[in-house]
Amino acid sequence: MDLRKFIAVVMLAACLPAIADLRIVTRAVETSTAFISMPTTDNSRLMFKSCDDCEIFEVRLTAATQFILRGKSMPFAEFRKQFNSLRQSKEDYALVTFETETNAVTSVRVGE
C-alpha cells in the first residue's frame, strides 16, 4: 500500500468516533396566536399547538425566556398585556422556541 493511501485510511479511521447520532437540543415550532394559551405568570406553563389537529405542546416559561412582539423585546407582563389585546387569528404568526430535554422556553416571538 502506498503512503498516501495509508495516511488517508488512518485519517478516515480517526474521524469515525466523531460520527454520532444527531441530537436535537432546541426546537422551534411555528404557530399562530389563535393556537397559544398565554399563562398568567412568567413562571408557569405555556400551551400551544401548530394546527387545528396537531398535538398540544406544554412547555415551561422561565426567567430567561425572551418575549418578542413585532421585533421588540419586552418583559412578560407587558408582552402578555399586548398579546391579549391582539386580534388572535390563524394568520397571525408566532414562533415558540424551547429546549427539547427540559421543555424550557427560550423565546416566544409574535408578529414578525
PDB file of N, CA and C in Angstrom:
ATOM      1  N   MET A   1       0.861  -1.172   0.000  1.00  0.00           N
ATOM      2  CA  MET A   1       0.000   0.000   0.000  1.00  0.00           C
ATOM      3  C   MET A   1       0.902   1.227   0.000  1.00  0.00           C
ATOM      4  N   ASP A   2       0.584   2.177  -0.834  1.00  0.00           N
ATOM      5  CA  ASP A   2       1.470   3.336  -0.844  1.00  0.00           C
ATOM      6  C   ASP A   2       1.144   4.272   0.319  1.00  0.00           C
ATOM      7  N   LEU A   3       2.059   5.145   0.598  1.00  0.00           N
ATOM      8  CA  LEU A   3       1.986   6.002   1.779  1.00  0.00           C
ATOM      9  C   LEU A   3       0.749   6.909   1.775  1.00  0.00           C
ATOM     10  N   ARG A   4       0.359   7.458   0.638  1.00  0.00           N
ATOM     11  CA  ARG A   4      -0.811   8.348   0.573  1.00  0.00           C
ATOM     12  C   ARG A   4      -2.092   7.611   0.953  1.00  0.00           C
ATOM     13  N   LYS A   5      -2.274   6.412   0.439  1.00  0.00           N
ATOM     14  CA  LYS A   5      -3.471   5.636   0.768  1.00  0.00           C
ATOM     15  C   LYS A   5      -3.487   5.292   2.252  1.00  0.00           C
ATOM     16  N   PHE A   6      -2.336   4.938   2.781  1.00  0.00           N
ATOM     17  CA  PHE A   6      -2.246   4.602   4.196  1.00  0.00           C
ATOM     18  C   PHE A   6      -2.640   5.792   5.079  1.00  0.00           C
ATOM     19  N   ILE A   7      -2.113   6.963   4.741  1.00  0.00           N
ATOM     20  CA  ILE A   7      -2.444   8.177   5.508  1.00  0.00           C
ATOM     21  C   ILE A   7      -3.936   8.490   5.392  1.00  0.00           C
ATOM     22  N   ALA A   8      -4.508   8.346   4.209  1.00  0.00           N
ATOM     23  CA  ALA A   8      -5.940   8.602   4.015  1.00  0.00           C
ATOM     24  C   ALA A   8      -6.777   7.652   4.854  1.00  0.00           C
ATOM     25  N   VAL A   9      -6.423   6.372   4.884  1.00  0.00           N
ATOM     26  CA  VAL A   9      -7.164   5.384   5.673  1.00  0.00           C
ATOM     27  C   VAL A   9      -7.050   5.700   7.160  1.00  0.00           C
ATOM     28  N   VAL A  10      -5.866   6.059   7.632  1.00  0.00           N
ATOM     29  CA  VAL A  10      -5.679   6.394   9.045  1.00  0.00           C
ATOM     30  C   VAL A  10      -6.501   7.629   9.417  1.00  0.00           C
ATOM     31  N   MET A  11      -6.524   8.643   8.550  1.00  0.00           N
ATOM     32  CA  MET A  11      -7.289   9.863   8.837  1.00  0.00           C
ATOM     33  C   MET A  11      -8.791   9.572   8.860  1.00  0.00           C
ATOM     34  N   LEU A  12      -9.268   8.762   7.942  1.00  0.00           N
ATOM     35  CA  LEU A  12     -10.687   8.401   7.951  1.00  0.00           C
ATOM     36  C   LEU A  12     -11.044   7.595   9.187  1.00  0.00           C
ATOM     37  N   ALA A  13     -10.181   6.689   9.588  1.00  0.00           N
ATOM     38  CA  ALA A  13     -10.428   5.894  10.788  1.00  0.00           C
ATOM     39  C   ALA A  13     -10.455   6.776  12.032  1.00  0.00           C
ATOM     40  N   ALA A  14      -9.633   7.803  12.049  1.00  0.00           N
ATOM     41  CA  ALA A  14      -9.611   8.719  13.191  1.00  0.00           C
ATOM     42  C   ALA A  14     -10.893   9.524  13.285  1.00  0.00           C
ATOM     43  N   CYS A  15     -11.569   9.729  12.178  1.00  0.00           N
ATOM     44  CA  CYS A  15     -12.809  10.510  12.162  1.00  0.00           C
ATOM     45  C   CYS A  15     -14.024   9.701  12.588  1.00  0.00           C
ATOM     46  N   LEU A  16     -13.955   8.399  12.570  1.00  0.00           N
ATOM     47  CA  LEU A  16     -15.108   7.566  12.885  1.00  0.00           C
ATOM     48  C   LEU A  16     -15.719   7.840  14.255  1.00  0.00           C
ATOM     49  N   PRO A  17     -14.932   7.997  15.322  1.00  0.00           N
ATOM     50  CA  PRO A  17     -15.556   8.284  16.616  1.00  0.00           C
ATOM     51  C   PRO A  17     -16.329   9.605  16.620  1.00  0.00           C
ATOM     52  N   ALA A  18     -15.999  10.510  15.735  1.00  0.00           N
ATOM     53  CA  ALA A  18     -16.683  11.806  15.688  1.00  0.00           C
ATOM     54  C   ALA A  18     -18.066  11.694  15.050  1.00  0.00           C
ATOM     55  N   ILE A  19     -18.303  10.604  14.339  1.00  0.00           N
ATOM     56  CA  ILE A  19     -19.603  10.416  13.710  1.00  0.00           C
ATOM     57  C   ILE A  19     -20.542   9.832  14.758  1.00  0.00           C
ATOM     58  N   ALA A  20     -21.584  10.568  15.099  1.00  0.00           N
ATOM     59  CA  ALA A  20     -22.527  10.127  16.122  1.00  0.00           C
ATOM     60  C   ALA A  20     -23.931  10.498  15.688  1.00  0.00           C
ATOM     61  N   ASP A  21     -24.899  10.017  16.435  1.00  0.00           N
ATOM     62  CA  ASP A  21     -26.279  10.369  16.151  1.00  0.00           C
ATOM     63  C   ASP A  21     -26.486  11.852  16.415  1.00  0.00           C
ATOM     64  N   LEU A  22     -27.240  12.481  15.538  1.00  0.00           N
ATOM     65  CA  LEU A  22     -27.589  13.881  15.762  1.00  0.00           C
ATOM     66  C   LEU A  22     -28.604  13.956  16.888  1.00  0.00           C
ATOM     67  N   ARG A  23     -28.456  14.957  17.697  1.00  0.00           N
ATOM     68  CA  ARG A  23     -29.375  15.148  18.816  1.00  0.00           C
ATOM     69  C   ARG A  23     -29.957  16.539  18.714  1.00  0.00           C
ATOM     70  N   ILE A  24     -31.256  16.636  18.726  1.00  0.00           N
ATOM     71  CA  ILE A  24     -31.916  17.941  18.656  1.00  0.00           C
ATOM     72  C   ILE A  24     -31.964  18.507  20.065  1.00  0.00           C
ATOM     73  N   VAL A  25     -31.382  19.681  20.238  1.00  0.00           N
ATOM     74  CA  VAL A  25     -31.302  20.296  21.554  1.00  0.00           C
ATOM     75  C   VAL A  25     -32.357  21.379  21.717  1.00  0.00           C
ATOM     76  N   THR A  26     -32.613  22.108  20.639  1.00  0.00           N
ATOM     77  CA  THR A  26     -33.598  23.177  20.656  1.00  0.00           C
ATOM     78  C   THR A  26     -34.574  22.954  19.516  1.00  0.00           C
ATOM     79  N   ARG A  27     -35.839  23.205  19.792  1.00  0.00           N
ATOM     80  CA  ARG A  27     -36.875  23.048  18.768  1.00  0.00           C
ATOM     81  C   ARG A  27     -37.642  24.350  18.650  1.00  0.00           C
ATOM     82  N   ALA A  28     -37.923  24.736  17.412  1.00  0.00           N
ATOM     83  CA  ALA A  28     -38.727  25.935  17.154  1.00  0.00           C
ATOM     84  C   ALA A  28     -39.985  25.493  16.414  1.00  0.00           C
ATOM     85  N   VAL A  29     -41.134  25.878  16.928  1.00  0.00           N
ATOM     86  CA  VAL A  29     -42.409  25.479  16.340  1.00  0.00           C
ATOM     87  C   VAL A  29     -43.147  26.730  15.875  1.00  0.00           C
ATOM     88  N   GLU A  30     -43.469  26.760  14.581  1.00  0.00           N
ATOM     89  CA  GLU A  30     -44.270  27.854  14.045  1.00  0.00           C
ATOM     90  C   GLU A  30     -45.729  27.594  14.380  1.00  0.00           C
ATOM     91  N   THR A  31     -46.394  28.633  14.778  1.00  0.00           N
ATOM     92  CA  THR A  31     -47.802  28.529  15.132  1.00  0.00           C
ATOM     93  C   THR A  31     -48.472  29.860  14.831  1.00  0.00           C
ATOM     94  N   SER A  32     -49.640  30.054  15.340  1.00  0.00           N
ATOM     95  CA  SER A  32     -50.314  31.342  15.213  1.00  0.00           C
ATOM     96  C   SER A  32     -50.853  31.736  16.581  1.00  0.00           C
ATOM     97  N   THR A  33     -51.222  32.976  16.721  1.00  0.00           N
ATOM     98  CA  THR A  33     -51.701  33.455  18.018  1.00  0.00           C
ATOM     99  C   THR A  33     -52.987  32.758  18.447  1.00  0.00           C
ATOM    100  N   ALA A  34     -53.757  32.250  17.499  1.00  0.00           N
ATOM    101  CA  ALA A  34     -55.005  31.558  17.824  1.00  0.00           C
ATOM    102  C   ALA A  34     -54.766  30.244  18.556  1.00  0.00           C
ATOM    103  N   PHE A  35     -53.572  29.677  18.398  1.00  0.00           N
ATOM    104  CA  PHE A  35     -53.285  28.375  18.989  1.00  0.00           C
ATOM    105  C   PHE A  35     -52.426  28.454  20.243  1.00  0.00           C
ATOM    106  N   ILE A  36     -52.258  29.647  20.808  1.00  0.00           N
ATOM    107  CA  ILE A  36     -51.442  29.822  22.011  1.00  0.00           C
ATOM    108  C   ILE A  36     -52.337  30.185  23.183  1.00  0.00           C
ATOM    109  N   SER A  37     -52.138  29.489  24.288  1.00  0.00           N
ATOM    110  CA  SER A  37     -52.833  29.814  25.531  1.00  0.00           C
ATOM    111  C   SER A  37     -51.814  30.463  26.460  1.00  0.00           C
ATOM    112  N   MET A  38     -51.898  31.788  26.585  1.00  0.00           N
ATOM    113  CA  MET A  38     -50.917  32.541  27.357  1.00  0.00           C
ATOM    114  C   MET A  38     -51.202  32.410  28.857  1.00  0.00           C
ATOM    115  N   PRO A  39     -50.210  31.964  29.657  1.00  0.00           N
ATOM    116  CA  PRO A  39     -50.416  31.828  31.104  1.00  0.00           C
ATOM    117  C   PRO A  39     -50.462  33.191  31.796  1.00  0.00           C
ATOM    118  N   THR A  40     -50.804  33.174  33.060  1.00  0.00           N
ATOM    119  CA  THR A  40     -50.927  34.430  33.803  1.00  0.00           C
ATOM    120  C   THR A  40     -49.612  34.892  34.422  1.00  0.00           C
ATOM    121  N   THR A  41     -48.668  33.965  34.631  1.00  0.00           N
ATOM    122  CA  THR A  41     -47.382  34.343  35.211  1.00  0.00           C
ATOM    123  C   THR A  41     -46.237  33.853  34.329  1.00  0.00           C
ATOM    124  N   ASP A  42     -45.078  34.460  34.514  1.00  0.00           N
ATOM    125  CA  ASP A  42     -43.918  34.085  33.702  1.00  0.00           C
ATOM    126  C   ASP A  42     -43.184  32.864  34.239  1.00  0.00           C
ATOM    127  N   ASN A  43     -43.710  32.259  35.281  1.00  0.00           N
ATOM    128  CA  ASN A  43     -43.090  31.058  35.851  1.00  0.00           C
ATOM    129  C   ASN A  43     -44.084  29.898  35.815  1.00  0.00           C
ATOM    130  N   SER A  44     -44.776  29.760  34.693  1.00  0.00           N
ATOM    131  CA  SER A  44     -45.769  28.702  34.569  1.00  0.00           C
ATOM    132  C   SER A  44     -45.656  28.046  33.202  1.00  0.00           C
ATOM    133  N   ARG A  45     -46.654  27.313  32.823  1.00  0.00           N
ATOM    134  CA  ARG A  45     -46.607  26.548  31.574  1.00  0.00           C
ATOM    135  C   ARG A  45     -47.352  27.262  30.451  1.00  0.00           C
ATOM    136  N   LEU A  46     -46.745  27.215  29.278  1.00  0.00           N
ATOM    137  CA  LEU A  46     -47.336  27.758  28.060  1.00  0.00           C
ATOM    138  C   LEU A  46     -47.832  26.577  27.244  1.00  0.00           C
ATOM    139  N   MET A  47     -49.082  26.622  26.806  1.00  0.00           N
ATOM    140  CA  MET A  47     -49.631  25.558  25.979  1.00  0.00           C
ATOM    141  C   MET A  47     -49.936  26.113  24.601  1.00  0.00           C
ATOM    142  N   PHE A  48     -49.565  25.338  23.575  1.00  0.00           N
ATOM    143  CA  PHE A  48     -49.827  25.762  22.199  1.00  0.00           C
ATOM    144  C   PHE A  48     -49.812  24.550  21.284  1.00  0.00           C
ATOM    145  N   LYS A  49     -50.322  24.740  20.085  1.00  0.00           N
ATOM    146  CA  LYS A  49     -50.244  23.724  19.042  1.00  0.00           C
ATOM    147  C   LYS A  49     -50.004  24.439  17.726  1.00  0.00           C
ATOM    148  N   SER A  50     -49.593  23.694  16.714  1.00  0.00           N
ATOM    149  CA  SER A  50     -49.247  24.346  15.452  1.00  0.00           C
ATOM    150  C   SER A  50     -50.363  24.313  14.415  1.00  0.00           C
ATOM    151  N   CYS A  51     -51.417  23.531  14.656  1.00  0.00           N
ATOM    152  CA  CYS A  51     -52.569  23.500  13.747  1.00  0.00           C
ATOM    153  C   CYS A  51     -53.784  22.961  14.492  1.00  0.00           C
ATOM    154  N   ASP A  52     -54.930  22.993  13.826  1.00  0.00           N
ATOM    155  CA  ASP A  52     -56.168  22.532  14.472  1.00  0.00           C
ATOM    156  C   ASP A  52     -56.073  21.104  15.005  1.00  0.00           C
ATOM    157  N   ASP A  53     -55.513  20.208  14.206  1.00  0.00           N
ATOM    158  CA  ASP A  53     -55.477  18.792  14.565  1.00  0.00           C
ATOM    159  C   ASP A  53     -54.129  18.326  15.112  1.00  0.00           C
ATOM    160  N   CYS A  54     -53.221  19.245  15.378  1.00  0.00           N
ATOM    161  CA  CYS A  54     -51.879  18.886  15.832  1.00  0.00           C
ATOM    162  C   CYS A  54     -51.853  18.641  17.339  1.00  0.00           C
ATOM    163  N   GLU A  55     -50.755  17.988  17.766  1.00  0.00           N
ATOM    164  CA  GLU A  55     -50.565  17.734  19.195  1.00  0.00           C
ATOM    165  C   GLU A  55     -50.383  19.036  19.967  1.00  0.00           C
ATOM    166  N   ILE A  56     -50.741  19.010  21.231  1.00  0.00           N
ATOM    167  CA  ILE A  56     -50.576  20.188  22.096  1.00  0.00           C
ATOM    168  C   ILE A  56     -49.218  20.082  22.785  1.00  0.00           C
ATOM    169  N   PHE A  57     -48.447  21.156  22.698  1.00  0.00           N
ATOM    170  CA  PHE A  57     -47.163  21.243  23.397  1.00  0.00           C
ATOM    171  C   PHE A  57     -47.406  21.939  24.725  1.00  0.00           C
ATOM    172  N   GLU A  58     -46.794  21.425  25.772  1.00  0.00           N
ATOM    173  CA  GLU A  58     -46.842  22.077  27.083  1.00  0.00           C
ATOM    174  C   GLU A  58     -45.403  22.299  27.504  1.00  0.00           C
ATOM    175  N   VAL A  59     -44.987  23.574  27.536  1.00  0.00           N
ATOM    176  CA  VAL A  59     -43.601  23.926  27.812  1.00  0.00           C
ATOM    177  C   VAL A  59     -43.539  24.909  28.979  1.00  0.00           C
ATOM    178  N   ARG A  60     -42.344  25.035  29.578  1.00  0.00           N
ATOM    179  CA  ARG A  60     -42.173  25.875  30.767  1.00  0.00           C
ATOM    180  C   ARG A  60     -41.591  27.237  30.431  1.00  0.00           C
ATOM    181  N   LEU A  61     -42.193  28.264  30.950  1.00  0.00           N
ATOM    182  CA  LEU A  61     -41.599  29.594  30.883  1.00  0.00           C
ATOM    183  C   LEU A  61     -40.624  29.720  32.046  1.00  0.00           C
ATOM    184  N   THR A  62     -39.534  30.438  31.819  1.00  0.00           N
ATOM    185  CA  THR A  62     -38.540  30.653  32.878  1.00  0.00           C
ATOM    186  C   THR A  62     -38.181  32.138  32.917  1.00  0.00           C
ATOM    187  N   ALA A  63     -37.359  32.489  33.886  1.00  0.00           N
ATOM    188  CA  ALA A  63     -36.897  33.876  33.982  1.00  0.00           C
ATOM    189  C   ALA A  63     -36.039  34.253  32.778  1.00  0.00           C
ATOM    190  N   ALA A  64     -35.443  33.267  32.115  1.00  0.00           N
ATOM    191  CA  ALA A  64     -34.579  33.536  30.961  1.00  0.00           C
ATOM    192  C   ALA A  64     -35.350  33.602  29.635  1.00  0.00           C
ATOM    193  N   THR A  65     -36.642  33.302  29.649  1.00  0.00           N
ATOM    194  CA  THR A  65     -37.429  33.328  28.415  1.00  0.00           C
ATOM    195  C   THR A  65     -37.509  34.737  27.855  1.00  0.00           C
ATOM    196  N   GLN A  66     -37.275  34.870  26.558  1.00  0.00           N
ATOM    197  CA  GLN A  66     -37.397  36.165  25.883  1.00  0.00           C
ATOM    198  C   GLN A  66     -38.788  36.265  25.268  1.00  0.00           C
ATOM    199  N   PHE A  67     -39.402  37.417  25.416  1.00  0.00           N
ATOM    200  CA  PHE A  67     -40.718  37.678  24.839  1.00  0.00           C
ATOM    201  C   PHE A  67     -40.567  38.810  23.835  1.00  0.00           C
ATOM    202  N   ILE A  68     -40.895  38.531  22.574  1.00  0.00           N
ATOM    203  CA  ILE A  68     -40.670  39.494  21.500  1.00  0.00           C
ATOM    204  C   ILE A  68     -41.973  39.669  20.726  1.00  0.00           C
ATOM    205  N   LEU A  69     -42.429  40.909  20.670  1.00  0.00           N
ATOM    206  CA  LEU A  69     -43.656  41.238  19.953  1.00  0.00           C
ATOM    207  C   LEU A  69     -43.328  42.263  18.880  1.00  0.00           C
ATOM    208  N   ARG A  70     -43.554  41.879  17.622  1.00  0.00           N
ATOM    209  CA  ARG A  70     -43.255  42.729  16.455  1.00  0.00           C
ATOM    210  C   ARG A  70     -41.820  43.260  16.482  1.00  0.00           C
ATOM    211  N   GLY A  71     -40.881  42.379  16.833  1.00  0.00           N
ATOM    212  CA  GLY A  71     -39.469  42.731  16.823  1.00  0.00           C
ATOM    213  C   GLY A  71     -38.969  43.448  18.067  1.00  0.00           C
ATOM    214  N   LYS A  72     -39.853  43.718  19.018  1.00  0.00           N
ATOM    215  CA  LYS A  72     -39.461  44.440  20.234  1.00  0.00           C
ATOM    216  C   LYS A  72     -39.493  43.499  21.437  1.00  0.00           C
ATOM    217  N   SER A  73     -38.343  43.372  22.107  1.00  0.00           N
ATOM    218  CA  SER A  73     -38.249  42.550  23.303  1.00  0.00           C
ATOM    219  C   SER A  73     -38.873  43.291  24.483  1.00  0.00           C
ATOM    220  N   MET A  74     -39.602  42.563  25.319  1.00  0.00           N
ATOM    221  CA  MET A  74     -40.278  43.192  26.458  1.00  0.00           C
ATOM    222  C   MET A  74     -40.444  42.194  27.596  1.00  0.00           C
ATOM    223  N   PRO A  75     -40.692  42.696  28.803  1.00  0.00           N
ATOM    224  CA  PRO A  75     -40.934  41.795  29.935  1.00  0.00           C
ATOM    225  C   PRO A  75     -42.262  41.045  29.749  1.00  0.00           C
ATOM    226  N   PHE A  76     -42.402  39.940  30.470  1.00  0.00           N
ATOM    227  CA  PHE A  76     -43.575  39.082  30.308  1.00  0.00           C
ATOM    228  C   PHE A  76     -44.885  39.840  30.530  1.00  0.00           C
ATOM    229  N   ALA A  77     -44.971  40.632  31.582  1.00  0.00           N
ATOM    230  CA  ALA A  77     -46.232  41.316  31.912  1.00  0.00           C
ATOM    231  C   ALA A  77     -46.697  42.199  30.752  1.00  0.00           C
ATOM    232  N   GLU A  78     -45.776  42.938  30.159  1.00  0.00           N
ATOM    233  CA  GLU A  78     -46.126  43.803  29.022  1.00  0.00           C
ATOM    234  C   GLU A  78     -46.469  42.955  27.792  1.00  0.00           C
ATOM    235  N   PHE A  79     -45.687  41.910  27.569  1.00  0.00           N
ATOM    236  CA  PHE A  79     -45.947  41.020  26.434  1.00  0.00           C
ATOM    237  C   PHE A  79     -47.340  40.409  26.551  1.00  0.00           C
ATOM    238  N   ARG A  80     -47.672  39.900  27.732  1.00  0.00           N
ATOM    239  CA  ARG A  80     -48.985  39.275  27.959  1.00  0.00           C
ATOM    240  C   ARG A  80     -50.115  40.266  27.726  1.00  0.00           C
ATOM    241  N   LYS A  81     -49.937  41.482  28.231  1.00  0.00           N
ATOM    242  CA  LYS A  81     -50.964  42.518  28.066  1.00  0.00           C
ATOM    243  C   LYS A  81     -51.196  42.809  26.580  1.00  0.00           C
ATOM    244  N   GLN A  82     -50.106  42.999  25.826  1.00  0.00           N
ATOM    245  CA  GLN A  82     -50.254  43.298  24.401  1.00  0.00           C
ATOM    246  C   GLN A  82     -50.723  42.077  23.615  1.00  0.00           C
ATOM    247  N   PHE A  83     -50.273  40.889  23.999  1.00  0.00           N
ATOM    248  CA  PHE A  83     -50.713  39.658  23.336  1.00  0.00           C
ATOM    249  C   PHE A  83     -52.216  39.487  23.489  1.00  0.00           C
ATOM    250  N   ASN A  84     -52.724  39.713  24.699  1.00  0.00           N
ATOM    251  CA  ASN A  84     -54.159  39.552  24.946  1.00  0.00           C
ATOM    252  C   ASN A  84     -55.001  40.607  24.239  1.00  0.00           C
ATOM    253  N   SER A  85     -54.396  41.743  23.886  1.00  0.00           N
ATOM    254  CA  SER A  85     -55.155  42.774  23.174  1.00  0.00           C
ATOM    255  C   SER A  85     -55.133  42.567  21.655  1.00  0.00           C
ATOM    256  N   LEU A  86     -54.298  41.637  21.179  1.00  0.00           N
ATOM    257  CA  LEU A  86     -54.261  41.339  19.746  1.00  0.00           C
ATOM    258  C   LEU A  86     -55.544  40.639  19.307  1.00  0.00           C
ATOM    259  N   ARG A  87     -55.889  40.855  18.049  1.00  0.00           N
ATOM    260  CA  ARG A  87     -56.968  40.059  17.467  1.00  0.00           C
ATOM    261  C   ARG A  87     -56.318  38.734  17.087  1.00  0.00           C
ATOM    262  N   GLN A  88     -56.558  37.724  17.881  1.00  0.00           N
ATOM    263  CA  GLN A  88     -55.875  36.461  17.656  1.00  0.00           C
ATOM    264  C   GLN A  88     -56.533  35.692  16.520  1.00  0.00           C
ATOM    265  N   SER A  89     -55.725  35.359  15.526  1.00  0.00           N
ATOM    266  CA  SER A  89     -56.244  34.609  14.393  1.00  0.00           C
ATOM    267  C   SER A  89     -55.215  33.612  13.909  1.00  0.00           C
ATOM    268  N   LYS A  90     -55.643  32.739  13.025  1.00  0.00           N
ATOM    269  CA  LYS A  90     -54.747  31.718  12.487  1.00  0.00           C
ATOM    270  C   LYS A  90     -53.723  32.314  11.537  1.00  0.00           C
ATOM    271  N   GLU A  91     -53.936  33.541  11.084  1.00  0.00           N
ATOM    272  CA  GLU A  91     -52.996  34.187  10.163  1.00  0.00           C
ATOM    273  C   GLU A  91     -51.891  34.946  10.875  1.00  0.00           C
ATOM    274  N   ASP A  92     -52.029  35.187  12.163  1.00  0.00           N
ATOM    275  CA  ASP A  92     -51.024  35.924  12.926  1.00  0.00           C
ATOM    276  C   ASP A  92     -49.897  34.986  13.342  1.00  0.00           C
ATOM    277  N   TYR A  93     -48.694  35.271  12.843  1.00  0.00           N
ATOM    278  CA  TYR A  93     -47.521  34.416  13.024  1.00  0.00           C
ATOM    279  C   TYR A  93     -46.994  34.455  14.453  1.00  0.00           C
ATOM    280  N   ALA A  94     -46.577  33.277  14.927  1.00  0.00           N
ATOM    281  CA  ALA A  94     -45.899  33.164  16.215  1.00  0.00           C
ATOM    282  C   ALA A  94     -44.876  32.036  16.120  1.00  0.00           C
ATOM    283  N   LEU A  95     -43.801  32.159  16.883  1.00  0.00           N
ATOM    284  CA  LEU A  95     -42.749  31.140  16.906  1.00  0.00           C
ATOM    285  C   LEU A  95     -42.362  30.898  18.356  1.00  0.00           C
ATOM    286  N   VAL A  96     -42.457  29.650  18.784  1.00  0.00           N
ATOM    287  CA  VAL A  96     -42.068  29.275  20.145  1.00  0.00           C
ATOM    288  C   VAL A  96     -40.838  28.391  20.041  1.00  0.00           C
ATOM    289  N   THR A  97     -39.756  28.793  20.719  1.00  0.00           N
ATOM    290  CA  THR A  97     -38.509  28.044  20.713  1.00  0.00           C
ATOM    291  C   THR A  97     -38.273  27.509  22.119  1.00  0.00           C
ATOM    292  N   PHE A  98     -37.981  26.201  22.216  1.00  0.00           N
ATOM    293  CA  PHE A  98     -37.778  25.605  23.532  1.00  0.00           C
ATOM    294  C   PHE A  98     -36.724  24.502  23.476  1.00  0.00           C
ATOM    295  N   GLU A  99     -36.138  24.232  24.644  1.00  0.00           N
ATOM    296  CA  GLU A  99     -35.145  23.167  24.773  1.00  0.00           C
ATOM    297  C   GLU A  99     -35.878  21.832  24.851  1.00  0.00           C
ATOM    298  N   THR A 100     -35.437  20.860  24.062  1.00  0.00           N
ATOM    299  CA  THR A 100     -36.162  19.594  23.980  1.00  0.00           C
ATOM    300  C   THR A 100     -36.030  18.729  25.232  1.00  0.00           C
ATOM    301  N   GLU A 101     -34.913  18.815  25.925  1.00  0.00           N
ATOM    302  CA  GLU A 101     -34.718  17.963  27.095  1.00  0.00           C
ATOM    303  C   GLU A 101     -35.450  18.478  28.332  1.00  0.00           C
ATOM    304  N   THR A 102     -35.510  19.802  28.491  1.00  0.00           N
ATOM    305  CA  THR A 102     -36.122  20.378  29.692  1.00  0.00           C
ATOM    306  C   THR A 102     -37.480  21.002  29.430  1.00  0.00           C
ATOM    307  N   ASN A 103     -37.842  21.182  28.166  1.00  0.00           N
ATOM    308  CA  ASN A 103     -39.075  21.879  27.766  1.00  0.00           C
ATOM    309  C   ASN A 103     -39.109  23.326  28.262  1.00  0.00           C
ATOM    310  N   ALA A 104     -37.939  23.908  28.500  1.00  0.00           N
ATOM    311  CA  ALA A 104     -37.853  25.304  28.927  1.00  0.00           C
ATOM    312  C   ALA A 104     -37.879  26.193  27.687  1.00  0.00           C
ATOM    313  N   VAL A 105     -38.779  27.152  27.680  1.00  0.00           N
ATOM    314  CA  VAL A 105     -38.930  28.054  26.540  1.00  0.00           C
ATOM    315  C   VAL A 105     -37.784  29.052  26.530  1.00  0.00           C
ATOM    316  N   THR A 106     -37.124  29.177  25.373  1.00  0.00           N
ATOM    317  CA  THR A 106     -36.068  30.170  25.242  1.00  0.00           C
ATOM    318  C   THR A 106     -36.621  31.476  24.690  1.00  0.00           C
ATOM    319  N   SER A 107     -37.625  31.388  23.797  1.00  0.00           N
ATOM    320  CA  SER A 107     -38.239  32.626  23.297  1.00  0.00           C
ATOM    321  C   SER A 107     -39.633  32.381  22.739  1.00  0.00           C
ATOM    322  N   VAL A 108     -40.438  33.436  22.823  1.00  0.00           N
ATOM    323  CA  VAL A 108     -41.766  33.463  22.205  1.00  0.00           C
ATOM    324  C   VAL A 108     -41.768  34.710  21.341  1.00  0.00           C
ATOM    325  N   ARG A 109     -41.940  34.525  20.032  1.00  0.00           N
ATOM    326  CA  ARG A 109     -41.949  35.643  19.082  1.00  0.00           C
ATOM    327  C   ARG A 109     -43.319  35.724  18.433  1.00  0.00           C
ATOM    328  N   VAL A 110     -43.875  36.909  18.394  1.00  0.00           N
ATOM    329  CA  VAL A 110     -45.187  37.125  17.769  1.00  0.00           C
ATOM    330  C   VAL A 110     -45.107  38.299  16.819  1.00  0.00           C
ATOM    331  N   GLY A 111     -45.685  38.111  15.645  1.00  0.00           N
ATOM    332  CA  GLY A 111     -45.836  39.208  14.706  1.00  0.00           C
ATOM    333  C   GLY A 111     -44.596  39.633  13.964  1.00  0.00           C
ATOM    334  N   GLU A 112     -43.714  38.716  13.660  1.00  0.00           N
ATOM    335  CA  GLU A 112     -42.522  39.088  12.902  1.00  0.00           C
ATOM    336  C   GLU A 112     -42.639  38.640  11.480  1.00  0.00           C
TER     337      GLU A 112
END
